[in-house]
Amino acid sequence: MALPKIDAPTYELTLPSTDLKVKYRPFLVKEEKILLIAMETGKENEIYEATKQIVNSCTFDTLDVETLPMFDLEYIFLNIRARSVGEISKFKVICPDDKKTYADVEVDLTKVEVQVDDEHTNTIIVDEKRKLGVVLKYPTMSILKSGTNIDSASMDTIFNMLTTCVEHIFEGEKIYPAKDSTQEEIKEFFEGLSQESFTKVKNFFDTMPRVRHEIEVTNPVTKVKSKVTLQGLNDFFESASPIIA
């Protein structure tokens, strides 16, 4: 005789990138096991696969997780986690004033939002006279692999990311879709830009929407209060791990 099954509660959130409403449920014990195993390995690829699998399952396989912008995926995961293990998550952070003392803080994950820089745009003009520019799309988790930081990435990594994130290049009314060009051709396009124009392109990544939350930390030794910003999946993934400000 079949055993009774427990129905998980269902919630709804709105994707920051598209305003699409998505239904989701908390993760179950079997999914928590996947998460814990990935965290124990400490390997980015394992964490990437675990996150993807959990988000897929908990949104009832209604989303193409591979193509979601990274900030959408992070936002969904945090909401799933909040409904699964509690809205309040405990963190250990290194206090900025002495950079050695750990402080315990609590964060309400339901208050964490995707923040957008006022200067952000995905349409970058690289030559005003020719009306030459590029339209970029947001990197997905498969591109970032949970760890690529545009601020510290090598030049090769930056160019590889750029070639993947191009939607199309345009000159006036003429459109050159990325799918009609090779990655080498797109790479050559970026290599031919001036430093000023390339800085505009890089600014897309520097200012793109991110899951971000600022907290106040009091050093238990010095009693100094400081602001610490939690940002991205890595900071929120494992609440027990130390976070360096």
C-alpha atoms as a PDB file:
ATOM      1  CA  MET A   1       0.000   0.000   0.000  1.00  0.00           C
ATOM      2  CA  ALA A   2       1.366   3.413  -0.984  1.00  0.00           C
ATOM      3  CA  LEU A   3       2.335   5.722   1.868  1.00  0.00           C
ATOM      4  CA  PRO A   4       0.696   9.166   2.124  1.00  0.00           C
ATOM      5  CA  LYS A   5       2.582  12.110   0.613  1.00  0.00           C
ATOM      6  CA  ILE A   6       2.974  15.548   2.133  1.00  0.00           C
ATOM      7  CA  ASP A   7       2.030  18.506  -0.044  1.00  0.00           C
ATOM      8  CA  ALA A   8       4.571  21.342   0.061  1.00  0.00           C
ATOM      9  CA  PRO A   9       3.213  24.906   0.286  1.00  0.00           C
ATOM     10  CA  THR A  10       3.447  27.032  -2.855  1.00  0.00           C
ATOM     11  CA  TYR A  11       4.576  30.666  -3.015  1.00  0.00           C
ATOM     12  CA  GLU A  12       4.959  33.263  -5.750  1.00  0.00           C
ATOM     13  CA  LEU A  13       7.684  35.741  -6.645  1.00  0.00           C
ATOM     14  CA  THR A  14       8.326  38.164  -9.501  1.00  0.00           C
ATOM     15  CA  LEU A  15      11.464  37.839 -11.609  1.00  0.00           C
ATOM     16  CA  PRO A  16      13.410  41.125 -11.427  1.00  0.00           C
ATOM     17  CA  SER A  17      14.463  41.007 -15.106  1.00  0.00           C
ATOM     18  CA  THR A  18      11.054  40.477 -16.705  1.00  0.00           C
ATOM     19  CA  ASP A  19       8.390  40.966 -13.997  1.00  0.00           C
ATOM     20  CA  LEU A  20       7.269  37.405 -14.755  1.00  0.00           C
ATOM     21  CA  LYS A  21       5.421  35.805 -11.836  1.00  0.00           C
ATOM     22  CA  VAL A  22       6.875  32.432 -10.842  1.00  0.00           C
ATOM     23  CA  LYS A  23       5.431  29.840  -8.490  1.00  0.00           C
ATOM     24  CA  TYR A  24       7.845  27.972  -6.252  1.00  0.00           C
ATOM     25  CA  ARG A  25       7.991  25.690  -3.232  1.00  0.00           C
ATOM     26  CA  PRO A  26      10.538  25.143  -0.434  1.00  0.00           C
ATOM     27  CA  PHE A  27      13.214  22.539  -1.074  1.00  0.00           C
ATOM     28  CA  LEU A  28      12.657  19.109   0.431  1.00  0.00           C
ATOM     29  CA  VAL A  29      15.011  16.859   2.401  1.00  0.00           C
ATOM     30  CA  LYS A  30      16.255  15.193  -0.799  1.00  0.00           C
ATOM     31  CA  GLU A  31      17.150  18.589  -2.239  1.00  0.00           C
ATOM     32  CA  GLU A  32      18.734  19.776   0.996  1.00  0.00           C
ATOM     33  CA  LYS A  33      20.961  16.695   0.789  1.00  0.00           C
ATOM     34  CA  ILE A  34      22.093  17.755  -2.693  1.00  0.00           C
ATOM     35  CA  LEU A  35      22.862  21.223  -1.361  1.00  0.00           C
ATOM     36  CA  LEU A  36      24.836  19.983   1.643  1.00  0.00           C
ATOM     37  CA  ILE A  37      26.928  17.606  -0.458  1.00  0.00           C
ATOM     38  CA  ALA A  38      27.789  20.423  -2.870  1.00  0.00           C
ATOM     39  CA  MET A  39      28.736  22.735   0.005  1.00  0.00           C
ATOM     40  CA  GLU A  40      30.981  20.075   1.514  1.00  0.00           C
ATOM     41  CA  THR A  41      32.974  19.717  -1.700  1.00  0.00           C
ATOM     42  CA  GLY A  42      33.516  23.460  -1.953  1.00  0.00           C
ATOM     43  CA  LYS A  43      33.786  23.093  -5.731  1.00  0.00           C
ATOM     44  CA  GLU A  44      32.188  25.830  -7.832  1.00  0.00           C
ATOM     45  CA  ASN A  45      30.927  23.402 -10.459  1.00  0.00           C
ATOM     46  CA  GLU A  46      29.239  21.224  -7.813  1.00  0.00           C
ATOM     47  CA  ILE A  47      27.580  24.280  -6.249  1.00  0.00           C
ATOM     48  CA  TYR A  48      26.490  25.441  -9.708  1.00  0.00           C
ATOM     49  CA  GLU A  49      24.907  22.081 -10.530  1.00  0.00           C
ATOM     50  CA  ALA A  50      23.217  21.813  -7.114  1.00  0.00           C
ATOM     51  CA  THR A  51      21.751  25.314  -7.357  1.00  0.00           C
ATOM     52  CA  LYS A  52      20.502  24.700 -10.885  1.00  0.00           C
ATOM     53  CA  GLN A  53      18.907  21.392  -9.901  1.00  0.00           C
ATOM     54  CA  ILE A  54      17.203  22.838  -6.822  1.00  0.00           C
ATOM     55  CA  VAL A  55      15.828  25.884  -8.645  1.00  0.00           C
ATOM     56  CA  ASN A  56      14.541  23.671 -11.457  1.00  0.00           C
ATOM     57  CA  SER A  57      12.758  21.318  -9.069  1.00  0.00           C
ATOM     58  CA  CYS A  58      11.368  24.003  -6.768  1.00  0.00           C
ATOM     59  CA  THR A  59       9.918  26.055  -9.643  1.00  0.00           C
ATOM     60  CA  PHE A  60       8.245  22.931 -11.047  1.00  0.00           C
ATOM     61  CA  ASP A  61      10.514  22.889 -14.134  1.00  0.00           C
ATOM     62  CA  THR A  62       8.757  25.967 -15.537  1.00  0.00           C
ATOM     63  CA  LEU A  63      11.935  27.979 -16.130  1.00  0.00           C
ATOM     64  CA  ASP A  64      14.907  27.575 -18.430  1.00  0.00           C
ATOM     65  CA  VAL A  65      17.464  27.942 -15.664  1.00  0.00           C
ATOM     66  CA  GLU A  66      20.392  27.843 -18.094  1.00  0.00           C
ATOM     67  CA  THR A  67      19.284  31.096 -19.751  1.00  0.00           C
ATOM     68  CA  LEU A  68      18.233  33.036 -16.646  1.00  0.00           C
ATOM     69  CA  PRO A  69      20.324  36.103 -15.777  1.00  0.00           C
ATOM     70  CA  MET A  70      22.507  35.357 -12.775  1.00  0.00           C
ATOM     71  CA  PHE A  71      20.719  37.885 -10.572  1.00  0.00           C
ATOM     72  CA  ASP A  72      17.339  36.259 -11.323  1.00  0.00           C
ATOM     73  CA  LEU A  73      18.701  32.864 -10.328  1.00  0.00           C
ATOM     74  CA  GLU A  74      20.223  34.230  -7.130  1.00  0.00           C
ATOM     75  CA  TYR A  75      16.966  35.953  -6.222  1.00  0.00           C
ATOM     76  CA  ILE A  76      14.930  32.769  -6.779  1.00  0.00           C
ATOM     77  CA  PHE A  77      17.388  30.677  -4.784  1.00  0.00           C
ATOM     78  CA  LEU A  78      17.349  33.061  -1.816  1.00  0.00           C
ATOM     79  CA  ASN A  79      13.548  33.052  -1.733  1.00  0.00           C
ATOM     80  CA  ILE A  80      13.474  29.246  -1.897  1.00  0.00           C
ATOM     81  CA  ARG A  81      16.039  29.068   0.887  1.00  0.00           C
ATOM     82  CA  ALA A  82      14.091  31.533   3.051  1.00  0.00           C
ATOM     83  CA  ARG A  83      10.929  29.446   2.737  1.00  0.00           C
ATOM     84  CA  SER A  84      12.866  26.228   3.345  1.00  0.00           C
ATOM     85  CA  VAL A  85      15.064  26.875   6.378  1.00  0.00           C
ATOM     86  CA  GLY A  86      13.707  30.133   7.745  1.00  0.00           C
ATOM     87  CA  GLU A  87      13.622  33.772   6.747  1.00  0.00           C
ATOM     88  CA  ILE A  88      16.339  34.759   9.219  1.00  0.00           C
ATOM     89  CA  SER A  89      19.805  33.529   8.295  1.00  0.00           C
ATOM     90  CA  LYS A  90      22.875  33.812  10.518  1.00  0.00           C
ATOM     91  CA  PHE A  91      26.224  34.916   9.122  1.00  0.00           C
ATOM     92  CA  LYS A  92      29.753  35.342  10.399  1.00  0.00           C
ATOM     93  CA  VAL A  93      31.512  38.373   8.945  1.00  0.00           C
ATOM     94  CA  ILE A  94      34.990  39.779   9.443  1.00  0.00           C
ATOM     95  CA  CYS A  95      34.770  43.264  10.901  1.00  0.00           C
ATOM     96  CA  PRO A  96      36.154  45.892   8.478  1.00  0.00           C
ATOM     97  CA  ASP A  97      37.786  48.028  11.185  1.00  0.00           C
ATOM     98  CA  ASP A  98      40.407  45.448  12.236  1.00  0.00           C
ATOM     99  CA  LYS A  99      39.949  42.788   9.498  1.00  0.00           C
ATOM    100  CA  LYS A 100      40.457  39.921  11.943  1.00  0.00           C
ATOM    101  CA  THR A 101      37.538  39.789  14.396  1.00  0.00           C
ATOM    102  CA  TYR A 102      34.420  37.830  13.473  1.00  0.00           C
ATOM    103  CA  ALA A 103      30.951  39.100  14.330  1.00  0.00           C
ATOM    104  CA  ASP A 104      27.635  37.262  14.217  1.00  0.00           C
ATOM    105  CA  VAL A 105      24.845  38.944  12.280  1.00  0.00           C
ATOM    106  CA  GLU A 106      21.342  37.991  11.209  1.00  0.00           C
ATOM    107  CA  VAL A 107      19.774  38.783   7.842  1.00  0.00           C
ATOM    108  CA  ASP A 108      16.124  38.525   6.844  1.00  0.00           C
ATOM    109  CA  LEU A 109      16.462  36.897   3.423  1.00  0.00           C
ATOM    110  CA  THR A 110      13.003  38.109   2.389  1.00  0.00           C
ATOM    111  CA  LYS A 111      14.346  41.679   2.600  1.00  0.00           C
ATOM    112  CA  VAL A 112      17.182  41.022   0.163  1.00  0.00           C
ATOM    113  CA  GLU A 113      16.462  42.577  -3.232  1.00  0.00           C
ATOM    114  CA  VAL A 114      18.032  42.903  -6.650  1.00  0.00           C
ATOM    115  CA  GLN A 115      19.507  46.392  -6.868  1.00  0.00           C
ATOM    116  CA  VAL A 116      20.094  48.259 -10.117  1.00  0.00           C
ATOM    117  CA  ASP A 117      22.660  51.015 -10.599  1.00  0.00           C
ATOM    118  CA  ASP A 118      21.155  54.251 -11.953  1.00  0.00           C
ATOM    119  CA  GLU A 119      23.892  54.436 -14.602  1.00  0.00           C
ATOM    120  CA  HIS A 120      23.285  50.946 -15.921  1.00  0.00           C
ATOM    121  CA  THR A 121      22.390  50.322 -19.559  1.00  0.00           C
ATOM    122  CA  ASN A 122      22.787  47.334 -21.868  1.00  0.00           C
ATOM    123  CA  THR A 123      23.077  49.485 -25.005  1.00  0.00           C
ATOM    124  CA  ILE A 124      26.592  50.872 -25.363  1.00  0.00           C
ATOM    125  CA  ILE A 125      27.553  53.376 -28.059  1.00  0.00           C
ATOM    126  CA  VAL A 126      31.229  52.943 -28.966  1.00  0.00           C
ATOM    127  CA  ASP A 127      31.351  55.471 -31.830  1.00  0.00           C
ATOM    128  CA  GLU A 128      28.940  58.425 -31.716  1.00  0.00           C
ATOM    129  CA  LYS A 129      29.649  59.628 -35.269  1.00  0.00           C
ATOM    130  CA  ARG A 130      28.940  56.254 -36.858  1.00  0.00           C
ATOM    131  CA  LYS A 131      26.195  55.420 -34.339  1.00  0.00           C
ATOM    132  CA  LEU A 132      28.087  52.195 -33.784  1.00  0.00           C
ATOM    133  CA  GLY A 133      27.272  50.204 -30.681  1.00  0.00           C
ATOM    134  CA  VAL A 134      26.553  46.901 -29.027  1.00  0.00           C
ATOM    135  CA  VAL A 135      23.586  45.504 -27.118  1.00  0.00           C
ATOM    136  CA  LEU A 136      24.571  43.099 -24.354  1.00  0.00           C
ATOM    137  CA  LYS A 137      22.577  40.444 -22.528  1.00  0.00           C
ATOM    138  CA  TYR A 138      23.090  39.477 -18.914  1.00  0.00           C
ATOM    139  CA  PRO A 139      25.506  36.650 -18.064  1.00  0.00           C
ATOM    140  CA  THR A 140      23.889  33.452 -16.902  1.00  0.00           C
ATOM    141  CA  MET A 141      25.066  31.119 -14.187  1.00  0.00           C
ATOM    142  CA  SER A 142      26.574  28.794 -16.777  1.00  0.00           C
ATOM    143  CA  ILE A 143      28.794  31.697 -17.882  1.00  0.00           C
ATOM    144  CA  LEU A 144      29.763  32.917 -14.449  1.00  0.00           C
ATOM    145  CA  LYS A 145      29.976  29.449 -12.848  1.00  0.00           C
ATOM    146  CA  SER A 146      29.155  31.094  -9.498  1.00  0.00           C
ATOM    147  CA  GLY A 147      32.581  32.630  -9.236  1.00  0.00           C
ATOM    148  CA  THR A 148      33.807  34.815 -12.096  1.00  0.00           C
ATOM    149  CA  ASN A 149      34.330  38.340 -10.830  1.00  0.00           C
ATOM    150  CA  ILE A 150      34.580  40.873 -13.632  1.00  0.00           C
ATOM    151  CA  ASP A 151      36.642  43.166 -11.371  1.00  0.00           C
ATOM    152  CA  SER A 152      39.414  40.595 -10.848  1.00  0.00           C
ATOM    153  CA  ALA A 153      39.046  38.439 -13.964  1.00  0.00           C
ATOM    154  CA  SER A 154      41.862  38.096 -16.488  1.00  0.00           C
ATOM    155  CA  MET A 155      41.589  39.875 -19.825  1.00  0.00           C
ATOM    156  CA  ASP A 156      41.020  36.544 -21.598  1.00  0.00           C
ATOM    157  CA  THR A 157      38.151  35.753 -19.223  1.00  0.00           C
ATOM    158  CA  ILE A 158      36.600  39.174 -19.809  1.00  0.00           C
ATOM    159  CA  PHE A 159      36.761  38.774 -23.587  1.00  0.00           C
ATOM    160  CA  ASN A 160      35.312  35.250 -23.427  1.00  0.00           C
ATOM    161  CA  MET A 161      32.448  36.551 -21.303  1.00  0.00           C
ATOM    162  CA  LEU A 162      31.844  39.460 -23.657  1.00  0.00           C
ATOM    163  CA  THR A 163      31.619  37.265 -26.741  1.00  0.00           C
ATOM    164  CA  THR A 164      28.974  35.173 -24.983  1.00  0.00           C
ATOM    165  CA  CYS A 165      26.961  38.151 -23.762  1.00  0.00           C
ATOM    166  CA  VAL A 166      26.570  39.997 -27.064  1.00  0.00           C
ATOM    167  CA  GLU A 167      22.986  40.203 -28.295  1.00  0.00           C
ATOM    168  CA  HIS A 168      23.839  42.151 -31.410  1.00  0.00           C
ATOM    169  CA  ILE A 169      26.117  44.853 -32.796  1.00  0.00           C
ATOM    170  CA  PHE A 170      24.600  47.755 -34.700  1.00  0.00           C
ATOM    171  CA  GLU A 171      25.655  50.647 -36.923  1.00  0.00           C
ATOM    172  CA  GLY A 172      22.875  53.116 -37.486  1.00  0.00           C
ATOM    173  CA  GLU A 173      19.840  51.089 -38.537  1.00  0.00           C
ATOM    174  CA  LYS A 174      21.862  48.026 -39.528  1.00  0.00           C
ATOM    175  CA  ILE A 175      21.850  45.114 -37.092  1.00  0.00           C
ATOM    176  CA  TYR A 176      24.505  42.389 -36.846  1.00  0.00           C
ATOM    177  CA  PRO A 177      23.076  39.552 -34.664  1.00  0.00           C
ATOM    178  CA  ALA A 178      25.705  37.751 -32.589  1.00  0.00           C
ATOM    179  CA  LYS A 179      24.438  34.383 -33.813  1.00  0.00           C
ATOM    180  CA  ASP A 180      25.529  35.310 -37.344  1.00  0.00           C
ATOM    181  CA  SER A 181      29.133  35.916 -36.294  1.00  0.00           C
ATOM    182  CA  THR A 182      31.862  33.691 -34.897  1.00  0.00           C
ATOM    183  CA  GLN A 183      33.238  34.264 -31.391  1.00  0.00           C
ATOM    184  CA  GLU A 184      36.564  35.164 -32.965  1.00  0.00           C
ATOM    185  CA  GLU A 185      34.910  37.895 -35.068  1.00  0.00           C
ATOM    186  CA  ILE A 186      33.169  39.317 -32.003  1.00  0.00           C
ATOM    187  CA  LYS A 187      36.414  39.167 -30.045  1.00  0.00           C
ATOM    188  CA  GLU A 188      38.182  41.091 -32.814  1.00  0.00           C
ATOM    189  CA  PHE A 189      35.434  43.737 -32.660  1.00  0.00           C
ATOM    190  CA  PHE A 190      36.112  44.360 -28.972  1.00  0.00           C
ATOM    191  CA  GLU A 191      39.890  44.253 -29.431  1.00  0.00           C
ATOM    192  CA  GLY A 192      39.529  47.065 -31.973  1.00  0.00           C
ATOM    193  CA  LEU A 193      37.839  49.422 -29.515  1.00  0.00           C
ATOM    194  CA  SER A 194      39.564  52.391 -27.936  1.00  0.00           C
ATOM    195  CA  GLN A 195      40.257  52.253 -24.193  1.00  0.00           C
ATOM    196  CA  GLU A 196      37.463  54.782 -23.606  1.00  0.00           C
ATOM    197  CA  SER A 197      34.927  52.699 -25.544  1.00  0.00           C
ATOM    198  CA  PHE A 198      35.992  49.452 -23.876  1.00  0.00           C
ATOM    199  CA  THR A 199      35.560  51.087 -20.460  1.00  0.00           C
ATOM    200  CA  LYS A 200      31.942  51.820 -21.421  1.00  0.00           C
ATOM    201  CA  VAL A 201      31.443  48.150 -22.294  1.00  0.00           C
ATOM    202  CA  LYS A 202      33.042  46.959 -19.055  1.00  0.00           C
ATOM    203  CA  ASN A 203      30.777  49.352 -17.136  1.00  0.00           C
ATOM    204  CA  PHE A 204      27.853  47.139 -18.191  1.00  0.00           C
ATOM    205  CA  PHE A 205      29.206  44.397 -15.925  1.00  0.00           C
ATOM    206  CA  ASP A 206      30.264  46.764 -13.160  1.00  0.00           C
ATOM    207  CA  THR A 207      26.774  48.257 -12.853  1.00  0.00           C
ATOM    208  CA  MET A 208      24.496  45.374 -13.817  1.00  0.00           C
ATOM    209  CA  PRO A 209      21.697  44.306 -11.405  1.00  0.00           C
ATOM    210  CA  ARG A 210      22.886  42.275  -8.440  1.00  0.00           C
ATOM    211  CA  VAL A 211      21.453  40.654  -5.356  1.00  0.00           C
ATOM    212  CA  ARG A 212      22.842  42.993  -2.738  1.00  0.00           C
ATOM    213  CA  HIS A 213      22.147  43.725   0.916  1.00  0.00           C
ATOM    214  CA  GLU A 214      23.891  46.091   3.326  1.00  0.00           C
ATOM    215  CA  ILE A 215      24.152  45.211   7.010  1.00  0.00           C
ATOM    216  CA  GLU A 216      25.594  46.927  10.066  1.00  0.00           C
ATOM    217  CA  VAL A 217      28.247  45.030  11.989  1.00  0.00           C
ATOM    218  CA  THR A 218      29.471  45.804  15.500  1.00  0.00           C
ATOM    219  CA  ASN A 219      32.957  44.569  16.323  1.00  0.00           C
ATOM    220  CA  PRO A 220      32.578  42.649  19.628  1.00  0.00           C
ATOM    221  CA  VAL A 221      36.116  43.645  20.655  1.00  0.00           C
ATOM    222  CA  THR A 222      36.471  47.274  19.533  1.00  0.00           C
ATOM    223  CA  LYS A 223      32.727  48.078  19.577  1.00  0.00           C
ATOM    224  CA  VAL A 224      33.190  49.887  16.258  1.00  0.00           C
ATOM    225  CA  LYS A 225      30.159  49.847  13.968  1.00  0.00           C
ATOM    226  CA  SER A 226      30.730  49.304  10.240  1.00  0.00           C
ATOM    227  CA  LYS A 227      28.724  48.683   7.081  1.00  0.00           C
ATOM    228  CA  VAL A 228      29.198  45.398   5.213  1.00  0.00           C
ATOM    229  CA  THR A 229      27.628  44.558   1.863  1.00  0.00           C
ATOM    230  CA  LEU A 230      26.581  41.005   1.045  1.00  0.00           C
ATOM    231  CA  GLN A 231      26.476  40.464  -2.687  1.00  0.00           C
ATOM    232  CA  GLY A 232      25.856  37.534  -4.981  1.00  0.00           C
ATOM    233  CA  LEU A 233      25.224  33.867  -4.429  1.00  0.00           C
ATOM    234  CA  ASN A 234      28.628  33.160  -2.904  1.00  0.00           C
ATOM    235  CA  ASP A 235      27.996  35.497   0.041  1.00  0.00           C
ATOM    236  CA  PHE A 236      24.523  34.120   0.703  1.00  0.00           C
ATOM    237  CA  PHE A 237      25.082  30.475  -0.169  1.00  0.00           C
ATOM    238  CA  GLU A 238      26.415  29.180   3.117  1.00  0.00           C
ATOM    239  CA  SER A 239      25.338  31.242   6.110  1.00  0.00           C
ATOM    240  CA  ALA A 240      27.761  29.509   8.444  1.00  0.00           C
ATOM    241  CA  SER A 241      30.847  30.449   6.423  1.00  0.00           C
ATOM    242  CA  PRO A 242      32.872  33.575   7.273  1.00  0.00           C
ATOM    243  CA  ILE A 243      32.334  36.562   4.996  1.00  0.00           C
ATOM    244  CA  ILE A 244      35.232  38.988   4.588  1.00  0.00           C
ATOM    245  CA  ALA A 245      34.227  42.592   4.122  1.00  0.00           C
END
